[in-house]
Amino acid sequence: MYNQLQFRSSQEIIEQHSTLVKRIAHHLLARLPNTVVLEDLIQAGMVGLLEAAKKYDASKGASFETYAGIRIRGSIIDEVRRGDWTPRSVHRNGRRVAEAVQVIEARTGRDAQDGEVAAELNITVTEYHALLKDSAESRLFSFDKLTGPQDEGPGETIASSAPDPSEQFEQEDFVKAIAHEIKGLPEREKLVLSLYYDQELNLKEIGKVIGVSESRVSQIHSQAALRLRSRLKEWR
């Protein structure tokens, strides 16, 4: 709330916390294609900052910076989703890969390998890696996308209304299912996800840690995302 934060104006809020907005925007920009404009992310982040100031309640225990960071990040991600630049063909190819992974793993009882997925799709391994590259570069990956429709086009939006109790329980079960499936990923895929989401390293930094190229990290990340999607098919 404005009176709790003792801010005199929206301008003062922006002046005091603009650095936080810019830091989050730059961090997310490193994960997005070159077509995304930094200024657009910052503008969306400023909206999140002002919303945070309106709704912040110090009695809940969290600092304003912590609360605002969550709201800023959410506002930026929502803006990216609303401006989805991904061609429908990329969404369809992502679905094809996930389905191929599911078929192979059901048949073999183990993790699907790159060559096996390529063969299932009747393409070369090079072409398969190109599909992974397109998938990585065309969208911001987040776990709640795993259950979304795979042929969505531009203009996709995420509902912001609060879930009812049954939806809340289902979401909690879904998060548990994700955690379980992540534990079953190949070690390198688990490591990449951990470094990317928990340690918040960018792809170049992860490549240095595990000793591979940035493009290879991108492929591993996409493969992990699509493998999770195939294993969480029952949640769609």
C-alpha atoms as a PDB file:
ATOM      1  CA  MET A   1       0.000   0.000   0.000  1.00  0.00           C
ATOM      2  CA  TYR A   2       1.239   3.500  -0.786  1.00  0.00           C
ATOM      3  CA  ASN A   3       0.866   4.813   2.775  1.00  0.00           C
ATOM      4  CA  GLN A   4       2.741   1.821   4.194  1.00  0.00           C
ATOM      5  CA  LEU A   5       5.660   2.424   1.860  1.00  0.00           C
ATOM      6  CA  GLN A   6       5.561   6.153   2.531  1.00  0.00           C
ATOM      7  CA  PHE A   7       5.901   6.977  -1.134  1.00  0.00           C
ATOM      8  CA  ARG A   8       4.660  10.391  -2.176  1.00  0.00           C
ATOM      9  CA  SER A   9       4.081   9.602  -5.851  1.00  0.00           C
ATOM     10  CA  SER A  10       4.374   7.052  -8.613  1.00  0.00           C
ATOM     11  CA  GLN A  11       7.361   8.973  -9.897  1.00  0.00           C
ATOM     12  CA  GLU A  12       9.154   8.499  -6.590  1.00  0.00           C
ATOM     13  CA  ILE A  13       8.460   4.772  -6.641  1.00  0.00           C
ATOM     14  CA  ILE A  14       9.984   4.524 -10.113  1.00  0.00           C
ATOM     15  CA  GLU A  15      12.999   6.613  -9.166  1.00  0.00           C
ATOM     16  CA  GLN A  16      13.728   4.577  -6.040  1.00  0.00           C
ATOM     17  CA  HIS A  17      13.314   1.137  -7.639  1.00  0.00           C
ATOM     18  CA  SER A  18      14.076   1.614 -11.343  1.00  0.00           C
ATOM     19  CA  THR A  19      17.406  -0.164 -10.880  1.00  0.00           C
ATOM     20  CA  LEU A  20      15.572  -3.284  -9.693  1.00  0.00           C
ATOM     21  CA  VAL A  21      13.326  -3.199 -12.767  1.00  0.00           C
ATOM     22  CA  LYS A  22      16.270  -2.781 -15.130  1.00  0.00           C
ATOM     23  CA  ARG A  23      18.237  -5.578 -13.473  1.00  0.00           C
ATOM     24  CA  ILE A  24      15.357  -8.039 -13.835  1.00  0.00           C
ATOM     25  CA  ALA A  25      14.670  -6.900 -17.418  1.00  0.00           C
ATOM     26  CA  HIS A  26      18.311  -7.382 -18.431  1.00  0.00           C
ATOM     27  CA  HIS A  27      18.386 -10.811 -16.788  1.00  0.00           C
ATOM     28  CA  LEU A  28      15.300 -11.975 -18.689  1.00  0.00           C
ATOM     29  CA  LEU A  29      16.482 -10.399 -21.943  1.00  0.00           C
ATOM     30  CA  ALA A  30      19.519 -12.686 -21.902  1.00  0.00           C
ATOM     31  CA  ARG A  31      17.102 -15.633 -22.225  1.00  0.00           C
ATOM     32  CA  LEU A  32      15.109 -14.196 -25.132  1.00  0.00           C
ATOM     33  CA  PRO A  33      15.655 -13.786 -28.898  1.00  0.00           C
ATOM     34  CA  ASN A  34      17.209 -10.633 -30.321  1.00  0.00           C
ATOM     35  CA  THR A  35      13.784  -9.539 -31.584  1.00  0.00           C
ATOM     36  CA  VAL A  36      12.744  -8.676 -28.024  1.00  0.00           C
ATOM     37  CA  VAL A  37      13.336  -4.997 -27.180  1.00  0.00           C
ATOM     38  CA  LEU A  38      14.778  -4.182 -23.760  1.00  0.00           C
ATOM     39  CA  GLU A  39      12.729  -0.996 -23.447  1.00  0.00           C
ATOM     40  CA  ASP A  40       9.514  -3.018 -23.798  1.00  0.00           C
ATOM     41  CA  LEU A  41      10.570  -5.291 -20.953  1.00  0.00           C
ATOM     42  CA  ILE A  42      11.482  -2.326 -18.758  1.00  0.00           C
ATOM     43  CA  GLN A  43       8.136  -0.656 -19.447  1.00  0.00           C
ATOM     44  CA  ALA A  44       6.276  -3.839 -18.484  1.00  0.00           C
ATOM     45  CA  GLY A  45       8.446  -4.120 -15.385  1.00  0.00           C
ATOM     46  CA  MET A  46       7.540  -0.579 -14.351  1.00  0.00           C
ATOM     47  CA  VAL A  47       3.868  -1.539 -14.523  1.00  0.00           C
ATOM     48  CA  GLY A  48       4.623  -4.488 -12.240  1.00  0.00           C
ATOM     49  CA  LEU A  49       6.484  -2.180  -9.862  1.00  0.00           C
ATOM     50  CA  LEU A  50       3.523   0.185  -9.557  1.00  0.00           C
ATOM     51  CA  GLU A  51       1.153  -2.747  -9.041  1.00  0.00           C
ATOM     52  CA  ALA A  52       3.433  -4.025  -6.307  1.00  0.00           C
ATOM     53  CA  ALA A  53       3.334  -0.657  -4.557  1.00  0.00           C
ATOM     54  CA  LYS A  54      -0.459  -0.681  -4.626  1.00  0.00           C
ATOM     55  CA  LYS A  55      -0.811  -4.193  -3.217  1.00  0.00           C
ATOM     56  CA  TYR A  56       2.154  -4.506  -0.883  1.00  0.00           C
ATOM     57  CA  ASP A  57       1.318  -5.297   2.734  1.00  0.00           C
ATOM     58  CA  ALA A  58       4.268  -5.045   5.137  1.00  0.00           C
ATOM     59  CA  SER A  59       2.403  -7.123   7.729  1.00  0.00           C
ATOM     60  CA  LYS A  60       2.889 -10.222   5.515  1.00  0.00           C
ATOM     61  CA  GLY A  61       6.573 -10.253   6.403  1.00  0.00           C
ATOM     62  CA  ALA A  62       8.264  -9.986   2.998  1.00  0.00           C
ATOM     63  CA  SER A  63      10.352  -6.929   2.184  1.00  0.00           C
ATOM     64  CA  PHE A  64       9.044  -4.615  -0.510  1.00  0.00           C
ATOM     65  CA  GLU A  65      12.047  -5.392  -2.733  1.00  0.00           C
ATOM     66  CA  THR A  66      11.314  -9.125  -2.560  1.00  0.00           C
ATOM     67  CA  TYR A  67       7.605  -8.654  -3.250  1.00  0.00           C
ATOM     68  CA  ALA A  68       8.218  -6.103  -6.005  1.00  0.00           C
ATOM     69  CA  GLY A  69      10.776  -8.386  -7.678  1.00  0.00           C
ATOM     70  CA  ILE A  70       8.162 -11.119  -8.020  1.00  0.00           C
ATOM     71  CA  ARG A  71       5.564  -8.708  -9.416  1.00  0.00           C
ATOM     72  CA  ILE A  72       8.061  -7.119 -11.819  1.00  0.00           C
ATOM     73  CA  ARG A  73       9.221 -10.460 -13.162  1.00  0.00           C
ATOM     74  CA  GLY A  74       5.631 -11.666 -13.563  1.00  0.00           C
ATOM     75  CA  SER A  75       4.617  -8.511 -15.401  1.00  0.00           C
ATOM     76  CA  ILE A  76       7.517  -8.816 -17.833  1.00  0.00           C
ATOM     77  CA  ILE A  77       6.831 -12.499 -18.516  1.00  0.00           C
ATOM     78  CA  ASP A  78       3.130 -11.760 -19.098  1.00  0.00           C
ATOM     79  CA  GLU A  79       4.114  -9.089 -21.614  1.00  0.00           C
ATOM     80  CA  VAL A  80       6.380 -11.533 -23.447  1.00  0.00           C
ATOM     81  CA  ARG A  81       3.548 -14.077 -23.621  1.00  0.00           C
ATOM     82  CA  ARG A  82       1.066 -11.518 -24.908  1.00  0.00           C
ATOM     83  CA  GLY A  83       3.479 -10.645 -27.688  1.00  0.00           C
ATOM     84  CA  ASP A  84       4.175 -14.261 -28.615  1.00  0.00           C
ATOM     85  CA  TRP A  85       6.298 -14.132 -31.789  1.00  0.00           C
ATOM     86  CA  THR A  86       6.465 -17.873 -32.261  1.00  0.00           C
ATOM     87  CA  PRO A  87       5.294 -19.264 -35.627  1.00  0.00           C
ATOM     88  CA  ARG A  88       2.677 -22.002 -35.366  1.00  0.00           C
ATOM     89  CA  SER A  89       5.071 -24.376 -37.123  1.00  0.00           C
ATOM     90  CA  VAL A  90       7.513 -24.122 -34.197  1.00  0.00           C
ATOM     91  CA  HIS A  91       4.756 -24.987 -31.708  1.00  0.00           C
ATOM     92  CA  ARG A  92       3.735 -27.951 -33.863  1.00  0.00           C
ATOM     93  CA  ASN A  93       7.311 -29.189 -34.162  1.00  0.00           C
ATOM     94  CA  GLY A  94       7.709 -28.959 -30.394  1.00  0.00           C
ATOM     95  CA  ARG A  95       4.632 -31.125 -30.002  1.00  0.00           C
ATOM     96  CA  ARG A  96       5.972 -33.621 -32.546  1.00  0.00           C
ATOM     97  CA  VAL A  97       9.249 -33.938 -30.654  1.00  0.00           C
ATOM     98  CA  ALA A  98       7.459 -34.412 -27.322  1.00  0.00           C
ATOM     99  CA  GLU A  99       5.246 -37.112 -28.830  1.00  0.00           C
ATOM    100  CA  ALA A 100       8.252 -38.879 -30.367  1.00  0.00           C
ATOM    101  CA  VAL A 101      10.052 -38.850 -27.018  1.00  0.00           C
ATOM    102  CA  GLN A 102       6.985 -40.331 -25.337  1.00  0.00           C
ATOM    103  CA  VAL A 103       6.695 -43.134 -27.905  1.00  0.00           C
ATOM    104  CA  ILE A 104      10.376 -44.056 -27.628  1.00  0.00           C
ATOM    105  CA  GLU A 105      10.469 -44.002 -23.828  1.00  0.00           C
ATOM    106  CA  ALA A 106       7.277 -46.071 -23.603  1.00  0.00           C
ATOM    107  CA  ARG A 107       8.798 -48.599 -26.002  1.00  0.00           C
ATOM    108  CA  THR A 108      12.289 -48.788 -24.489  1.00  0.00           C
ATOM    109  CA  GLY A 109      11.688 -47.955 -20.834  1.00  0.00           C
ATOM    110  CA  ARG A 110      14.615 -45.510 -20.765  1.00  0.00           C
ATOM    111  CA  ASP A 111      15.526 -41.961 -21.774  1.00  0.00           C
ATOM    112  CA  ALA A 112      15.138 -41.291 -25.482  1.00  0.00           C
ATOM    113  CA  GLN A 113      18.419 -40.485 -27.239  1.00  0.00           C
ATOM    114  CA  ASP A 114      18.879 -37.798 -29.894  1.00  0.00           C
ATOM    115  CA  GLY A 115      19.406 -40.289 -32.702  1.00  0.00           C
ATOM    116  CA  GLU A 116      16.315 -42.258 -31.721  1.00  0.00           C
ATOM    117  CA  VAL A 117      14.113 -39.156 -31.675  1.00  0.00           C
ATOM    118  CA  ALA A 118      15.450 -38.075 -35.060  1.00  0.00           C
ATOM    119  CA  ALA A 119      14.763 -41.523 -36.501  1.00  0.00           C
ATOM    120  CA  GLU A 120      11.236 -41.514 -35.051  1.00  0.00           C
ATOM    121  CA  LEU A 121      10.626 -38.168 -36.754  1.00  0.00           C
ATOM    122  CA  ASN A 122      12.261 -39.441 -39.971  1.00  0.00           C
ATOM    123  CA  ILE A 123      14.791 -36.605 -39.991  1.00  0.00           C
ATOM    124  CA  THR A 124      18.553 -36.367 -39.503  1.00  0.00           C
ATOM    125  CA  VAL A 125      20.136 -35.642 -36.126  1.00  0.00           C
ATOM    126  CA  THR A 126      21.264 -32.273 -37.522  1.00  0.00           C
ATOM    127  CA  GLU A 127      17.680 -31.440 -38.468  1.00  0.00           C
ATOM    128  CA  TYR A 128      16.524 -32.560 -35.026  1.00  0.00           C
ATOM    129  CA  HIS A 129      19.040 -30.264 -33.345  1.00  0.00           C
ATOM    130  CA  ALA A 130      17.749 -27.432 -35.546  1.00  0.00           C
ATOM    131  CA  LEU A 131      14.229 -28.088 -34.220  1.00  0.00           C
ATOM    132  CA  LEU A 132      15.556 -27.871 -30.668  1.00  0.00           C
ATOM    133  CA  LYS A 133      17.324 -24.619 -31.507  1.00  0.00           C
ATOM    134  CA  ASP A 134      14.122 -23.114 -32.935  1.00  0.00           C
ATOM    135  CA  SER A 135      12.205 -24.162 -29.847  1.00  0.00           C
ATOM    136  CA  ALA A 136      14.784 -22.629 -27.501  1.00  0.00           C
ATOM    137  CA  GLU A 137      15.048 -19.339 -29.363  1.00  0.00           C
ATOM    138  CA  SER A 138      11.361 -18.788 -29.999  1.00  0.00           C
ATOM    139  CA  ARG A 139       9.822 -18.812 -26.555  1.00  0.00           C
ATOM    140  CA  LEU A 140      10.443 -18.196 -22.902  1.00  0.00           C
ATOM    141  CA  PHE A 141      10.238 -21.588 -21.274  1.00  0.00           C
ATOM    142  CA  SER A 142       8.357 -21.895 -17.979  1.00  0.00           C
ATOM    143  CA  PHE A 143       6.889 -24.952 -16.322  1.00  0.00           C
ATOM    144  CA  ASP A 144       3.277 -23.796 -16.604  1.00  0.00           C
ATOM    145  CA  LYS A 145       3.660 -23.931 -20.409  1.00  0.00           C
ATOM    146  CA  LEU A 146       4.043 -27.701 -20.219  1.00  0.00           C
ATOM    147  CA  THR A 147       0.306 -28.219 -19.931  1.00  0.00           C
ATOM    148  CA  GLY A 148      -0.732 -25.501 -22.372  1.00  0.00           C
ATOM    149  CA  PRO A 149      -1.992 -26.170 -25.909  1.00  0.00           C
ATOM    150  CA  GLN A 150       0.856 -26.706 -28.307  1.00  0.00           C
ATOM    151  CA  ASP A 151      -0.609 -24.956 -31.352  1.00  0.00           C
ATOM    152  CA  GLU A 152      -1.275 -21.604 -29.722  1.00  0.00           C
ATOM    153  CA  GLY A 153      -0.492 -18.651 -31.923  1.00  0.00           C
ATOM    154  CA  PRO A 154       0.277 -14.955 -31.427  1.00  0.00           C
ATOM    155  CA  GLY A 155      -1.750 -13.176 -28.812  1.00  0.00           C
ATOM    156  CA  GLU A 156      -1.706 -15.968 -26.245  1.00  0.00           C
ATOM    157  CA  THR A 157      -2.592 -14.662 -22.794  1.00  0.00           C
ATOM    158  CA  ILE A 158      -2.451 -16.172 -19.356  1.00  0.00           C
ATOM    159  CA  ALA A 159      -5.460 -15.722 -17.090  1.00  0.00           C
ATOM    160  CA  SER A 160      -4.630 -13.679 -14.002  1.00  0.00           C
ATOM    161  CA  SER A 161      -7.670 -14.523 -11.887  1.00  0.00           C
ATOM    162  CA  ALA A 162      -7.074 -16.370  -8.651  1.00  0.00           C
ATOM    163  CA  PRO A 163      -7.781 -20.117  -8.865  1.00  0.00           C
ATOM    164  CA  ASP A 164     -10.574 -21.680  -6.860  1.00  0.00           C
ATOM    165  CA  PRO A 165      -9.592 -24.203  -4.128  1.00  0.00           C
ATOM    166  CA  SER A 166      -9.877 -27.234  -6.405  1.00  0.00           C
ATOM    167  CA  GLU A 167      -7.669 -25.558  -9.008  1.00  0.00           C
ATOM    168  CA  GLN A 168      -5.185 -24.679  -6.292  1.00  0.00           C
ATOM    169  CA  PHE A 169      -4.943 -28.315  -5.174  1.00  0.00           C
ATOM    170  CA  GLU A 170      -4.527 -29.435  -8.769  1.00  0.00           C
ATOM    171  CA  GLN A 171      -1.744 -26.888  -9.289  1.00  0.00           C
ATOM    172  CA  GLU A 172       0.048 -28.131  -6.178  1.00  0.00           C
ATOM    173  CA  ASP A 173      -0.182 -31.707  -7.458  1.00  0.00           C
ATOM    174  CA  PHE A 174       1.156 -30.557 -10.822  1.00  0.00           C
ATOM    175  CA  VAL A 175       4.163 -28.893  -9.184  1.00  0.00           C
ATOM    176  CA  LYS A 176       4.866 -32.144  -7.294  1.00  0.00           C
ATOM    177  CA  ALA A 177       4.619 -34.071 -10.566  1.00  0.00           C
ATOM    178  CA  ILE A 178       7.099 -31.696 -12.226  1.00  0.00           C
ATOM    179  CA  ALA A 179       9.549 -32.084  -9.337  1.00  0.00           C
ATOM    180  CA  HIS A 180       9.259 -35.876  -9.594  1.00  0.00           C
ATOM    181  CA  GLU A 181       9.851 -35.912 -13.339  1.00  0.00           C
ATOM    182  CA  ILE A 182      12.802 -33.536 -13.119  1.00  0.00           C
ATOM    183  CA  LYS A 183      14.495 -36.004 -10.781  1.00  0.00           C
ATOM    184  CA  GLY A 184      14.156 -38.628 -13.522  1.00  0.00           C
ATOM    185  CA  LEU A 185      15.801 -36.542 -16.252  1.00  0.00           C
ATOM    186  CA  PRO A 186      19.261 -37.424 -17.563  1.00  0.00           C
ATOM    187  CA  GLU A 187      21.938 -35.920 -15.316  1.00  0.00           C
ATOM    188  CA  ARG A 188      23.110 -33.314 -17.823  1.00  0.00           C
ATOM    189  CA  GLU A 189      19.570 -32.065 -18.434  1.00  0.00           C
ATOM    190  CA  LYS A 190      18.951 -31.813 -14.688  1.00  0.00           C
ATOM    191  CA  LEU A 191      22.172 -29.868 -14.282  1.00  0.00           C
ATOM    192  CA  VAL A 192      21.298 -27.414 -17.044  1.00  0.00           C
ATOM    193  CA  LEU A 193      17.842 -26.768 -15.566  1.00  0.00           C
ATOM    194  CA  SER A 194      19.328 -26.284 -12.116  1.00  0.00           C
ATOM    195  CA  LEU A 195      21.976 -23.847 -13.326  1.00  0.00           C
ATOM    196  CA  TYR A 196      19.439 -21.984 -15.467  1.00  0.00           C
ATOM    197  CA  TYR A 197      16.545 -21.665 -13.023  1.00  0.00           C
ATOM    198  CA  ASP A 198      18.064 -22.092  -9.559  1.00  0.00           C
ATOM    199  CA  GLN A 199      21.455 -20.453 -10.098  1.00  0.00           C
ATOM    200  CA  GLU A 200      20.092 -18.105 -12.809  1.00  0.00           C
ATOM    201  CA  LEU A 201      23.104 -18.508 -15.099  1.00  0.00           C
ATOM    202  CA  ASN A 202      22.683 -17.672 -18.772  1.00  0.00           C
ATOM    203  CA  LEU A 203      23.384 -20.190 -21.528  1.00  0.00           C
ATOM    204  CA  LYS A 204      26.932 -18.963 -22.143  1.00  0.00           C
ATOM    205  CA  GLU A 205      27.799 -19.244 -18.448  1.00  0.00           C
ATOM    206  CA  ILE A 206      26.303 -22.735 -18.254  1.00  0.00           C
ATOM    207  CA  GLY A 207      28.363 -23.783 -21.270  1.00  0.00           C
ATOM    208  CA  LYS A 208      31.546 -22.788 -19.451  1.00  0.00           C
ATOM    209  CA  VAL A 209      30.487 -24.742 -16.368  1.00  0.00           C
ATOM    210  CA  ILE A 210      29.746 -28.005 -18.173  1.00  0.00           C
ATOM    211  CA  GLY A 211      32.301 -27.607 -20.958  1.00  0.00           C
ATOM    212  CA  VAL A 212      30.090 -27.343 -24.052  1.00  0.00           C
ATOM    213  CA  SER A 213      29.111 -24.618 -26.492  1.00  0.00           C
ATOM    214  CA  GLU A 214      26.280 -22.176 -25.832  1.00  0.00           C
ATOM    215  CA  SER A 215      24.295 -23.693 -28.707  1.00  0.00           C
ATOM    216  CA  ARG A 216      24.671 -27.156 -27.189  1.00  0.00           C
ATOM    217  CA  VAL A 217      23.370 -25.861 -23.851  1.00  0.00           C
ATOM    218  CA  SER A 218      20.370 -24.465 -25.729  1.00  0.00           C
ATOM    219  CA  GLN A 219      19.739 -27.888 -27.273  1.00  0.00           C
ATOM    220  CA  ILE A 220      20.015 -29.636 -23.901  1.00  0.00           C
ATOM    221  CA  HIS A 221      17.616 -27.142 -22.337  1.00  0.00           C
ATOM    222  CA  SER A 222      15.051 -27.615 -25.094  1.00  0.00           C
ATOM    223  CA  GLN A 223      15.388 -31.381 -24.921  1.00  0.00           C
ATOM    224  CA  ALA A 224      14.750 -31.273 -21.171  1.00  0.00           C
ATOM    225  CA  ALA A 225      11.663 -29.109 -21.664  1.00  0.00           C
ATOM    226  CA  LEU A 226      10.236 -31.355 -24.364  1.00  0.00           C
ATOM    227  CA  ARG A 227      11.051 -34.504 -22.411  1.00  0.00           C
ATOM    228  CA  LEU A 228       9.173 -33.095 -19.408  1.00  0.00           C
ATOM    229  CA  ARG A 229       6.249 -32.192 -21.631  1.00  0.00           C
ATOM    230  CA  SER A 230       6.072 -35.732 -22.969  1.00  0.00           C
ATOM    231  CA  ARG A 231       6.181 -37.221 -19.465  1.00  0.00           C
ATOM    232  CA  LEU A 232       3.513 -34.854 -18.156  1.00  0.00           C
ATOM    233  CA  LYS A 233       1.066 -35.532 -20.973  1.00  0.00           C
ATOM    234  CA  GLU A 234      -1.617 -36.692 -18.537  1.00  0.00           C
ATOM    235  CA  TRP A 235      -1.797 -33.153 -17.124  1.00  0.00           C
ATOM    236  CA  ARG A 236      -2.781 -31.546 -20.433  1.00  0.00           C
END
